[in-house]
């Protein structure tokens, strides 16, 4: 092609592609015009808008809580027994807040706040200020980010905390039984259990702050303590497991009601040996076959388990419907927050002792377990269920010393032979007399035979 046929451009903008772009831009409304450089940049970098959107979402992330002492129970545990972790009557705290089943009690919480104000002669503003000033600290106690506005969060905590404080006042002053709703014993029982649940908590410091606000009234004396009032209220549900000797402790650093209950469970003395070789713990029947005597311990502390010279002593344990609720929530709390697992170790040992209904029946017969369930099979099933999906450390087992002593005793052949002799041949007075008579007869026959041989000689 000749030079005359070539197209020549006078200016860079005379290029056909650029001229088309210019024409398109001129047809747009002036207010919607996009600068040429931005248009070209968006065409060259199609990811810029998406990157900007992601960056804005990252900038709006709320900081993670640090305290994290109140949390949802893991799904692997809830799948085993969801009812043991779900409140029945009332929601406390944000984890079950707003659920339809708890709507009837929300109105009742407001009535309790009104009665609290009348009782203590404090103002709503004073209560709101206490909760509002501690909002950041309160939010920091929940492992999950609470997606409630500031006002909704403050109101939720205020209603829940005041409900507990007013409930304690009514229970302590004998006013609760006149209540047309809470006066029902079954209702009180359900609320006591609801306060034992890990997902149904508010930080204890907000209860103390509101309680102290009430105590400023001249109507009350300094003898009252929010911790003692909580324990007194819960003693009907927790009584078989919380002993008076456990209450004489330092409760200055209590996280919530479940933490207070856990502190009451901890042993009065600690074992030095905490590492166990393996978890092949003998059952009750196996211990008996090895000659171990099973006896109820005299101590009121559940963890005061001792093994001495073939005698295994365990404080009596009351087993009832609420046992699994209390133990499951304490174990969930231990597994995810506490450095020492007293309750988990205790329940693990009991679960090995009652591997079968026969084991449970043996412990019931010996006074170690007081059974309020249907039969011994339910006891065995209960403890098997408690230890499912529970993680236990060999290096941090509080009852390691007792277990190792038991296993060493059971390995002795002399102990087993002696136990077999007693169980098979001397298990009743008549059988014992029969064996003794047979032995004497054998000896007399032997003597007679020897005398006959001597005469012949």
Protein backbone atom coordinates (compact mmCIF):
# COMPACT_ATOMS: atom_id res chain seq x y z
CA UNK A 1 0.00 0.00 0.00
CA UNK A 2 1.32 3.46 -0.87
CA UNK A 3 2.06 6.26 1.54
CA UNK A 4 -0.95 8.21 0.24
CA UNK A 5 -3.32 5.52 1.52
CA UNK A 6 -2.08 5.70 5.10
CA UNK A 7 -4.30 7.41 7.69
CA UNK A 8 -2.60 10.22 9.52
CA UNK A 9 -3.68 11.56 12.96
CA UNK A 10 -3.13 15.19 13.77
CA UNK A 11 -3.46 14.73 17.53
CA UNK A 12 -3.37 11.76 19.88
CA UNK A 13 -7.06 12.22 20.67
CA UNK A 14 -7.96 11.74 17.02
CA UNK A 15 -7.42 7.96 17.39
CA UNK A 16 -10.78 6.23 16.54
CA UNK A 17 -11.00 4.35 19.91
CA UNK A 18 -10.32 7.51 21.92
CA UNK A 19 -12.73 9.55 19.80
CA UNK A 20 -15.48 6.99 20.54
CA UNK A 21 -14.83 7.23 24.27
CA UNK A 22 -14.93 11.02 24.08
CA UNK A 23 -18.25 10.89 22.25
CA UNK A 24 -19.76 8.58 24.85
CA UNK A 25 -18.63 10.83 27.68
CA UNK A 26 -20.13 13.90 26.00
CA UNK A 27 -23.53 12.18 25.88
CA UNK A 28 -23.62 11.65 29.67
CA UNK A 29 -25.17 14.12 32.09
CA UNK A 30 -22.62 16.55 33.49
CA UNK A 31 -23.25 15.49 37.11
CA UNK A 32 -22.55 11.83 36.26
CA UNK A 33 -19.43 12.37 34.20
CA UNK A 34 -16.45 10.23 35.18
CA UNK A 35 -13.01 11.76 34.77
CA UNK A 36 -11.08 10.09 31.97
CA UNK A 37 -8.23 8.96 34.22
CA UNK A 38 -10.66 7.31 36.73
CA UNK A 39 -12.54 5.60 33.92
CA UNK A 40 -9.31 4.23 32.53
CA UNK A 41 -8.09 3.21 36.03
CA UNK A 42 -11.28 1.24 36.76
CA UNK A 43 -10.93 -0.54 33.48
CA UNK A 44 -7.33 -1.43 34.22
CA UNK A 45 -8.02 -2.47 37.92
CA UNK A 46 -11.47 -4.15 38.25
CA UNK A 47 -10.62 -5.35 41.81
CA UNK A 48 -10.21 -1.88 43.36
CA UNK A 49 -13.88 -1.44 44.34
CA UNK A 50 -14.07 -4.89 45.91
CA UNK A 51 -10.81 -4.33 47.80
CA UNK A 52 -12.17 -1.05 49.15
CA UNK A 53 -15.34 -2.80 50.35
CA UNK A 54 -13.34 -5.51 52.14
CA UNK A 55 -11.08 -2.91 53.75
CA UNK A 56 -14.09 -1.03 55.12
CA UNK A 57 -15.46 -4.25 56.67
CA UNK A 58 -12.12 -4.89 58.35
CA UNK A 59 -12.03 -1.35 59.73
CA UNK A 60 -15.45 -1.81 61.35
CA UNK A 61 -14.57 -5.06 63.17
CA UNK A 62 -15.17 -4.89 66.91
CA UNK A 63 -12.25 -5.82 69.19
CA UNK A 64 -12.30 -9.37 70.57
CA UNK A 65 -13.12 -9.74 74.28
CA UNK A 66 -10.20 -10.54 76.58
CA UNK A 67 -11.85 -11.74 79.79
CA UNK A 68 -14.11 -14.34 78.14
CA UNK A 69 -15.45 -16.08 81.23
CA UNK A 70 -18.99 -16.57 79.85
CA UNK A 71 -19.40 -18.53 76.64
CA UNK A 72 -21.55 -20.85 74.56
CA UNK A 73 -21.10 -24.54 75.39
CA UNK A 74 -19.46 -26.28 72.39
CA UNK A 75 -21.74 -28.07 69.93
CA UNK A 76 -20.05 -31.43 70.55
CA UNK A 77 -21.36 -31.28 74.14
CA UNK A 78 -24.75 -29.78 73.32
CA UNK A 79 -25.45 -32.57 70.83
CA UNK A 80 -25.16 -35.10 73.65
CA UNK A 81 -27.65 -33.38 75.96
CA UNK A 82 -28.84 -29.95 74.87
CA UNK A 83 -31.36 -29.68 77.73
CA UNK A 84 -28.57 -29.79 80.33
CA UNK A 85 -27.19 -26.48 79.02
CA UNK A 86 -30.40 -24.68 78.03
CA UNK A 87 -32.34 -22.65 80.63
CA UNK A 88 -35.91 -23.76 81.25
CA UNK A 89 -37.67 -20.73 82.67
CA UNK A 90 -35.61 -17.54 82.43
CA UNK A 91 -32.75 -16.20 80.33
CA UNK A 92 -29.94 -14.37 82.10
CA UNK A 93 -27.39 -12.53 79.97
CA UNK A 94 -27.28 -12.12 76.19
CA UNK A 95 -26.67 -15.70 74.97
CA UNK A 96 -30.35 -16.71 75.17
CA UNK A 97 -31.78 -13.18 75.22
CA UNK A 98 -34.84 -12.57 73.05
CA UNK A 99 -35.89 -16.19 72.57
CA UNK A 100 -39.65 -16.62 72.39
CA UNK A 101 -39.82 -19.20 75.19
CA UNK A 102 -38.51 -16.66 77.72
CA UNK A 103 -40.79 -13.76 76.72
CA UNK A 104 -43.23 -14.25 79.65
CA UNK A 105 -40.45 -13.69 82.19
CA UNK A 106 -39.25 -10.48 80.53
CA UNK A 107 -42.30 -8.62 81.80
CA UNK A 108 -41.71 -10.13 85.22
CA UNK A 109 -38.14 -8.78 85.26
CA UNK A 110 -39.52 -5.27 84.84
CA UNK A 111 -41.83 -5.79 87.81
CA UNK A 112 -38.84 -6.90 89.86
CA UNK A 113 -36.97 -3.71 88.90
CA UNK A 114 -39.93 -1.60 89.98
CA UNK A 115 -40.14 -3.42 93.31
CA UNK A 116 -36.37 -3.14 93.78
CA UNK A 117 -36.56 0.64 93.37
CA UNK A 118 -39.36 0.86 95.93
CA UNK A 119 -37.52 -1.44 98.35
CA UNK A 120 -34.14 0.32 98.17
CA UNK A 121 -35.31 3.90 97.48
CA UNK A 122 -32.74 4.32 94.71
CA UNK A 123 -33.46 5.87 91.31
CA UNK A 124 -33.52 4.30 87.88
CA UNK A 125 -30.83 6.77 86.85
CA UNK A 126 -28.47 5.48 89.55
CA UNK A 127 -28.93 1.89 88.35
CA UNK A 128 -28.50 2.84 84.69
CA UNK A 129 -25.33 4.79 85.47
CA UNK A 130 -23.76 1.79 87.21
CA UNK A 131 -24.40 -0.52 84.26
CA UNK A 132 -23.58 2.07 81.58
CA UNK A 133 -20.25 2.99 83.17
CA UNK A 134 -19.26 -0.69 83.15
CA UNK A 135 -20.52 -1.55 79.67
CA UNK A 136 -17.08 -2.13 78.15
CA UNK A 137 -16.02 -4.31 81.07
CA UNK A 138 -19.28 -6.26 80.86
CA UNK A 139 -18.97 -6.90 77.14
CA UNK A 140 -15.40 -8.06 77.66
CA UNK A 141 -16.62 -10.96 79.82
CA UNK A 142 -18.51 -12.67 76.98
CA UNK A 143 -16.52 -14.87 74.63
CA UNK A 144 -18.85 -14.02 71.74
CA UNK A 145 -19.23 -10.49 70.43
CA UNK A 146 -22.64 -9.25 71.60
CA UNK A 147 -24.33 -7.53 68.67
CA UNK A 148 -26.70 -5.38 70.71
CA UNK A 149 -26.72 -1.61 70.64
CA UNK A 150 -25.37 0.15 73.69
CA UNK A 151 -28.83 1.04 75.03
CA UNK A 152 -30.26 -2.44 74.44
CA UNK A 153 -27.25 -4.08 76.06
CA UNK A 154 -27.43 -1.84 79.15
CA UNK A 155 -31.17 -2.46 79.57
CA UNK A 156 -30.74 -6.20 79.16
CA UNK A 157 -28.02 -6.39 81.82
CA UNK A 158 -29.95 -4.07 84.15
CA UNK A 159 -33.16 -6.12 84.04
CA UNK A 160 -31.32 -9.44 84.44
CA UNK A 161 -29.01 -8.35 87.24
CA UNK A 162 -31.75 -6.60 89.22
CA UNK A 163 -33.96 -9.68 88.84
CA UNK A 164 -31.29 -11.79 90.56
CA UNK A 165 -30.64 -9.26 93.33
CA UNK A 166 -34.35 -8.72 94.06
CA UNK A 167 -34.92 -12.49 93.93
CA UNK A 168 -32.23 -12.94 96.59
CA UNK A 169 -33.81 -10.28 98.78
CA UNK A 170 -37.23 -11.91 98.56
CA UNK A 171 -35.82 -15.35 99.29
CA UNK A 172 -33.73 -14.11 102.21
CA UNK A 173 -36.64 -12.17 103.78
CA UNK A 174 -39.18 -14.98 103.27
CA UNK A 175 -41.23 -12.97 100.76
CA UNK A 176 -40.86 -15.34 97.83
CA UNK A 177 -43.48 -17.84 98.93
CA UNK A 178 -46.21 -15.18 98.66
CA UNK A 179 -45.37 -14.51 95.02
CA UNK A 180 -48.19 -15.77 92.77
CA UNK A 181 -45.70 -16.98 90.12
CA UNK A 182 -42.39 -17.67 91.84
CA UNK A 183 -44.05 -19.01 94.97
CA UNK A 184 -44.43 -22.39 93.27
CA UNK A 185 -41.67 -24.74 94.51
CA UNK A 186 -41.20 -26.19 91.03
CA UNK A 187 -40.63 -22.70 89.59
CA UNK A 188 -37.97 -21.95 92.21
CA UNK A 189 -36.34 -25.30 91.49
CA UNK A 190 -36.14 -24.48 87.76
CA UNK A 191 -34.70 -21.01 88.40
CA UNK A 192 -32.07 -22.46 90.72
CA UNK A 193 -31.00 -24.84 87.97
CA UNK A 194 -31.12 -22.07 85.34
CA UNK A 195 -28.62 -20.08 87.40
CA UNK A 196 -26.28 -23.12 87.30
CA UNK A 197 -26.01 -23.05 83.51
CA UNK A 198 -22.90 -21.78 81.81
CA UNK A 199 -24.74 -19.96 79.04
CA UNK A 200 -27.09 -18.21 81.48
CA UNK A 201 -24.80 -15.82 83.33
CA UNK A 202 -23.95 -12.18 83.91
CA UNK A 203 -20.63 -11.09 85.47
CA UNK A 204 -20.73 -11.24 89.24
CA UNK A 205 -19.26 -7.76 89.72
CA UNK A 206 -22.42 -6.13 88.33
CA UNK A 207 -24.52 -8.05 90.88
CA UNK A 208 -22.20 -6.82 93.62
CA UNK A 209 -22.33 -3.23 92.42
CA UNK A 210 -26.13 -3.14 92.32
CA UNK A 211 -26.31 -5.01 95.63
CA UNK A 212 -23.97 -2.45 97.22
CA UNK A 213 -26.16 0.33 95.87
CA UNK A 214 -29.11 -1.24 97.67
CA UNK A 215 -27.08 -1.68 100.85
CA UNK A 216 -26.58 2.06 101.07
CA UNK A 217 -30.18 2.23 102.23
CA UNK A 218 -30.52 2.42 106.02
CA UNK A 219 -32.99 -0.45 105.84
CA UNK A 220 -30.17 -3.00 105.63
CA UNK A 221 -27.27 -3.92 107.86
CA UNK A 222 -23.72 -4.84 106.91
CA UNK A 223 -24.18 -8.52 107.68
CA UNK A 224 -25.56 -9.29 104.24
CA UNK A 225 -23.27 -10.61 101.51
CA UNK A 226 -24.33 -11.17 97.90
CA UNK A 227 -22.21 -14.34 97.74
CA UNK A 228 -23.75 -15.84 100.86
CA UNK A 229 -27.22 -14.94 99.63
CA UNK A 230 -26.56 -16.69 96.31
CA UNK A 231 -25.33 -19.81 98.11
CA UNK A 232 -28.28 -19.75 100.48
CA UNK A 233 -30.72 -19.46 97.58
CA UNK A 234 -29.06 -22.26 95.62
CA UNK A 235 -28.50 -24.59 98.55
CA UNK A 236 -31.71 -26.53 97.82
CA UNK A 237 -30.39 -27.47 94.39
CA UNK A 238 -26.68 -27.52 95.23
CA UNK A 239 -26.86 -28.64 98.86
CA UNK A 240 -25.82 -32.28 98.34
CA UNK A 241 -22.65 -31.08 96.62
CA UNK A 242 -21.75 -27.86 98.44
CA UNK A 243 -20.70 -28.42 102.05
CA UNK A 244 -20.44 -25.85 104.81
CA UNK A 245 -16.68 -26.37 105.08
CA UNK A 246 -16.39 -25.33 101.42
CA UNK A 247 -17.99 -21.96 102.12
CA UNK A 248 -15.12 -20.77 104.30
CA UNK A 249 -13.03 -19.68 101.34
CA UNK A 250 -11.80 -16.55 99.64
CA UNK A 251 -14.57 -15.54 97.24
CA UNK A 252 -13.06 -12.17 96.38
CA UNK A 253 -12.49 -13.09 92.72
CA UNK A 254 -15.78 -14.61 91.57
CA UNK A 255 -16.58 -14.41 87.85
CA UNK A 256 -20.25 -15.45 87.93
CA UNK A 257 -22.64 -17.83 89.71
CA UNK A 258 -21.21 -20.96 88.05
CA UNK A 259 -17.72 -19.88 89.09
CA UNK A 260 -18.93 -19.42 92.68
CA UNK A 261 -20.39 -22.92 92.63
CA UNK A 262 -17.15 -24.30 91.18
CA UNK A 263 -15.11 -22.66 93.95
CA UNK A 264 -17.32 -24.41 96.49
CA UNK A 265 -16.48 -27.74 94.87
CA UNK A 266 -12.71 -27.50 95.02
CA UNK A 267 -10.89 -29.86 97.43
CA UNK A 268 -9.86 -28.72 100.89
CA UNK A 269 -6.47 -30.39 100.33
CA UNK A 270 -4.50 -30.99 97.17
CA UNK A 271 -2.68 -34.10 95.96
CA UNK A 272 0.98 -33.82 95.04
CA UNK A 273 0.82 -36.51 92.35
CA UNK A 274 -1.21 -35.43 89.34
CA UNK A 275 0.19 -37.58 86.51
CA UNK A 276 -1.45 -40.92 85.85
CA UNK A 277 0.11 -43.70 83.76
CA UNK A 278 -3.14 -44.68 82.03
CA UNK A 279 -6.88 -44.54 82.58
CA UNK A 280 -7.42 -48.25 83.18
CA UNK A 281 -9.17 -47.59 86.49
CA UNK A 282 -10.73 -50.69 88.09
CA UNK A 283 -14.51 -50.84 88.42
CA UNK A 284 -16.25 -51.38 91.76
CA UNK A 285 -16.69 -55.10 91.06
CA UNK A 286 -13.04 -55.46 90.06
CA UNK A 287 -11.95 -53.73 93.26
CA UNK A 288 -14.08 -56.06 95.33
CA UNK A 289 -12.69 -59.11 93.53
CA UNK A 290 -9.18 -57.86 94.34
CA UNK A 291 -10.04 -57.66 98.02
CA UNK A 292 -10.58 -53.90 98.28
CA UNK A 293 -13.11 -52.82 100.90
CA UNK A 294 -15.49 -50.10 99.65
CA UNK A 295 -16.56 -47.71 102.40
CA UNK A 296 -18.38 -44.34 102.51
CA UNK A 297 -15.98 -41.63 103.66
CA UNK A 298 -16.68 -39.57 106.75
CA UNK A 299 -15.64 -36.30 105.10
CA UNK A 300 -18.32 -34.03 103.67
CA UNK A 301 -16.06 -32.92 100.82
CA UNK A 302 -16.74 -34.98 97.69
CA UNK A 303 -13.09 -34.89 96.67
CA UNK A 304 -11.77 -36.29 99.93
CA UNK A 305 -11.24 -39.72 98.34
CA UNK A 306 -8.72 -41.96 100.10
CA UNK A 307 -7.18 -45.40 99.61
CA UNK A 308 -5.34 -46.87 102.57
CA UNK A 309 -4.28 -50.48 103.16
CA UNK A 310 -6.97 -51.99 100.96
CA UNK A 311 -9.78 -49.70 102.11
CA UNK A 312 -11.27 -47.32 99.53
CA UNK A 313 -13.21 -44.47 101.13
CA UNK A 314 -15.41 -42.12 99.11
CA UNK A 315 -17.76 -39.48 100.56
CA UNK A 316 -21.37 -40.34 99.85
CA UNK A 317 -22.74 -38.99 96.57
CA UNK A 318 -26.43 -38.20 96.11
CA UNK A 319 -27.49 -38.98 92.52
CA UNK A 320 -30.70 -37.37 91.26
CA UNK A 321 -32.17 -35.68 88.18
CA UNK A 322 -30.31 -32.40 88.68
CA UNK A 323 -26.96 -34.16 89.12
CA UNK A 324 -26.26 -34.24 85.39
CA UNK A 325 -27.20 -30.56 84.93
CA UNK A 326 -24.87 -29.37 87.69
CA UNK A 327 -21.97 -31.63 86.76
CA UNK A 328 -22.25 -31.02 83.01
CA UNK A 329 -22.13 -27.24 83.35
CA UNK A 330 -19.30 -27.29 85.88
CA UNK A 331 -17.31 -29.62 83.61
CA UNK A 332 -17.95 -27.40 80.57
CA UNK A 333 -16.73 -24.41 82.57
CA UNK A 334 -13.62 -26.27 83.73
CA UNK A 335 -12.76 -27.52 80.27
CA UNK A 336 -12.78 -24.06 78.72
CA UNK A 337 -11.73 -21.67 81.46
CA UNK A 338 -10.17 -23.26 84.56
CA UNK A 339 -6.58 -24.39 84.94
CA UNK A 340 -7.55 -27.27 87.26
CA UNK A 341 -10.29 -29.81 86.56
CA UNK A 342 -11.50 -31.05 89.96
CA UNK A 343 -15.06 -31.86 88.89
CA UNK A 344 -14.01 -33.47 85.61
CA UNK A 345 -11.50 -35.70 87.41
CA UNK A 346 -14.03 -36.67 90.07
CA UNK A 347 -16.76 -37.54 87.54
CA UNK A 348 -14.21 -39.47 85.45
CA UNK A 349 -13.27 -41.66 88.43
CA UNK A 350 -16.92 -42.32 89.34
CA UNK A 351 -17.67 -43.23 85.70
CA UNK A 352 -14.95 -45.90 85.82
CA UNK A 353 -16.23 -47.22 89.14
CA UNK A 354 -19.77 -47.65 87.76
CA UNK A 355 -19.01 -49.21 84.38
CA UNK A 356 -22.07 -51.46 84.70
CA UNK A 357 -25.33 -51.55 86.68
CA UNK A 358 -23.74 -54.21 88.91
CA UNK A 359 -20.99 -51.75 89.83
CA UNK A 360 -23.54 -49.06 90.61
CA UNK A 361 -25.57 -51.49 92.70
CA UNK A 362 -22.46 -52.45 94.68
CA UNK A 363 -21.71 -48.80 95.50
CA UNK A 364 -25.35 -48.24 96.46
CA UNK A 365 -25.26 -51.31 98.70
CA UNK A 366 -22.09 -50.04 100.41
CA UNK A 367 -23.57 -46.59 101.05
CA UNK A 368 -21.25 -44.72 98.69
CA UNK A 369 -24.05 -43.71 96.31
CA UNK A 370 -27.49 -42.62 97.48
CA UNK A 371 -29.67 -43.26 94.47
CA UNK A 372 -32.78 -41.17 93.77
CA UNK A 373 -33.11 -42.36 90.18
CA UNK A 374 -35.17 -45.26 88.91
CA UNK A 375 -32.52 -47.98 89.31
CA UNK A 376 -28.79 -48.72 89.25
CA UNK A 377 -28.77 -48.90 85.45
CA UNK A 378 -29.76 -45.23 85.25
CA UNK A 379 -26.86 -44.36 87.55
CA UNK A 380 -24.41 -46.18 85.29
CA UNK A 381 -25.89 -44.57 82.17
CA UNK A 382 -25.77 -41.09 83.72
CA UNK A 383 -22.04 -41.21 84.44
CA UNK A 384 -21.20 -42.79 81.09
CA UNK A 385 -22.96 -39.87 79.41
CA UNK A 386 -21.20 -37.26 81.53
CA UNK A 387 -17.72 -38.22 80.30
CA UNK A 388 -18.58 -38.44 76.59
CA UNK A 389 -16.64 -35.91 74.49
CA UNK A 390 -14.74 -34.79 77.61
CA UNK A 391 -10.99 -34.29 77.31
CA UNK A 392 -8.90 -35.57 80.20
CA UNK A 393 -5.18 -35.03 80.62
CA UNK A 394 -2.95 -37.82 81.96
CA UNK A 395 -0.55 -35.20 83.28
CA UNK A 396 -3.18 -33.25 85.16
CA UNK A 397 -5.38 -35.78 86.94
CA UNK A 398 -6.04 -34.70 90.53
CA UNK A 399 -6.79 -38.23 91.78
CA UNK A 400 -3.72 -39.85 90.23
CA UNK A 401 -2.22 -40.85 93.58
CA UNK A 402 -5.36 -42.69 94.71
CA UNK A 403 -5.72 -44.48 91.37
CA UNK A 404 -2.09 -45.64 91.26
CA UNK A 405 -2.31 -47.00 94.83
CA UNK A 406 -5.48 -48.92 93.95
CA UNK A 407 -3.99 -50.41 90.81
CA UNK A 408 -0.85 -51.52 92.67
CA UNK A 409 -2.99 -53.21 95.33
CA UNK A 410 -5.11 -55.00 92.73
CA UNK A 411 -2.03 -56.41 90.97
CA UNK A 412 -1.01 -58.42 94.07
CA UNK A 413 -1.83 -62.13 93.63
CA UNK A 414 -2.04 -62.62 97.39
CA UNK A 415 -4.78 -60.00 97.67
CA UNK A 416 -6.72 -61.61 94.83
CA UNK A 417 -6.36 -65.13 96.27
CA UNK A 418 -7.40 -63.95 99.71
CA UNK A 419 -10.41 -62.11 98.25
CA UNK A 420 -11.48 -65.16 96.21
CA UNK A 421 -11.25 -67.33 99.29
CA UNK A 422 -13.46 -65.00 101.30
CA UNK A 423 -15.98 -64.36 98.52
CA UNK A 424 -16.33 -67.96 97.33
CA UNK A 425 -15.95 -69.96 100.53
CA UNK A 426 -16.59 -67.64 103.47
CA UNK A 427 -19.32 -65.40 102.10
CA UNK A 428 -21.95 -66.61 104.63
CA UNK A 429 -21.89 -68.00 108.20
CA UNK A 430 -23.37 -71.37 107.19
CA UNK A 431 -20.88 -71.87 104.40
CA UNK A 432 -18.04 -70.89 106.74
CA UNK A 433 -19.25 -73.45 109.35
CA UNK A 434 -19.53 -76.11 106.64
CA UNK A 435 -15.98 -75.49 105.48
CA UNK A 436 -14.66 -75.51 109.04
CA UNK A 437 -16.50 -78.75 109.78
CA UNK A 438 -15.21 -80.34 106.59
CA UNK A 439 -11.69 -79.25 107.44
CA UNK A 440 -11.95 -80.71 110.98
CA UNK A 441 -13.33 -83.93 109.56
CA UNK A 442 -10.44 -84.10 107.11
CA UNK A 443 -7.94 -83.51 109.91
CA UNK A 444 -9.53 -86.16 112.12
CA UNK A 445 -9.48 -88.63 109.24
CA UNK A 446 -5.83 -87.84 108.62
CA UNK A 447 -4.98 -88.31 112.32
CA UNK A 448 -6.87 -91.59 112.42
CA UNK A 449 -5.02 -92.81 109.32
CA UNK A 450 -1.65 -91.90 110.80
CA UNK A 451 -2.50 -93.67 114.07
CA UNK A 452 -3.54 -96.81 112.15
CA UNK A 453 -0.28 -96.82 110.22
CA UNK A 454 1.73 -96.46 113.42
CA UNK A 455 -0.05 -99.44 115.04
CA UNK A 456 0.68 -101.63 112.04
CA UNK A 457 4.32 -100.75 112.18
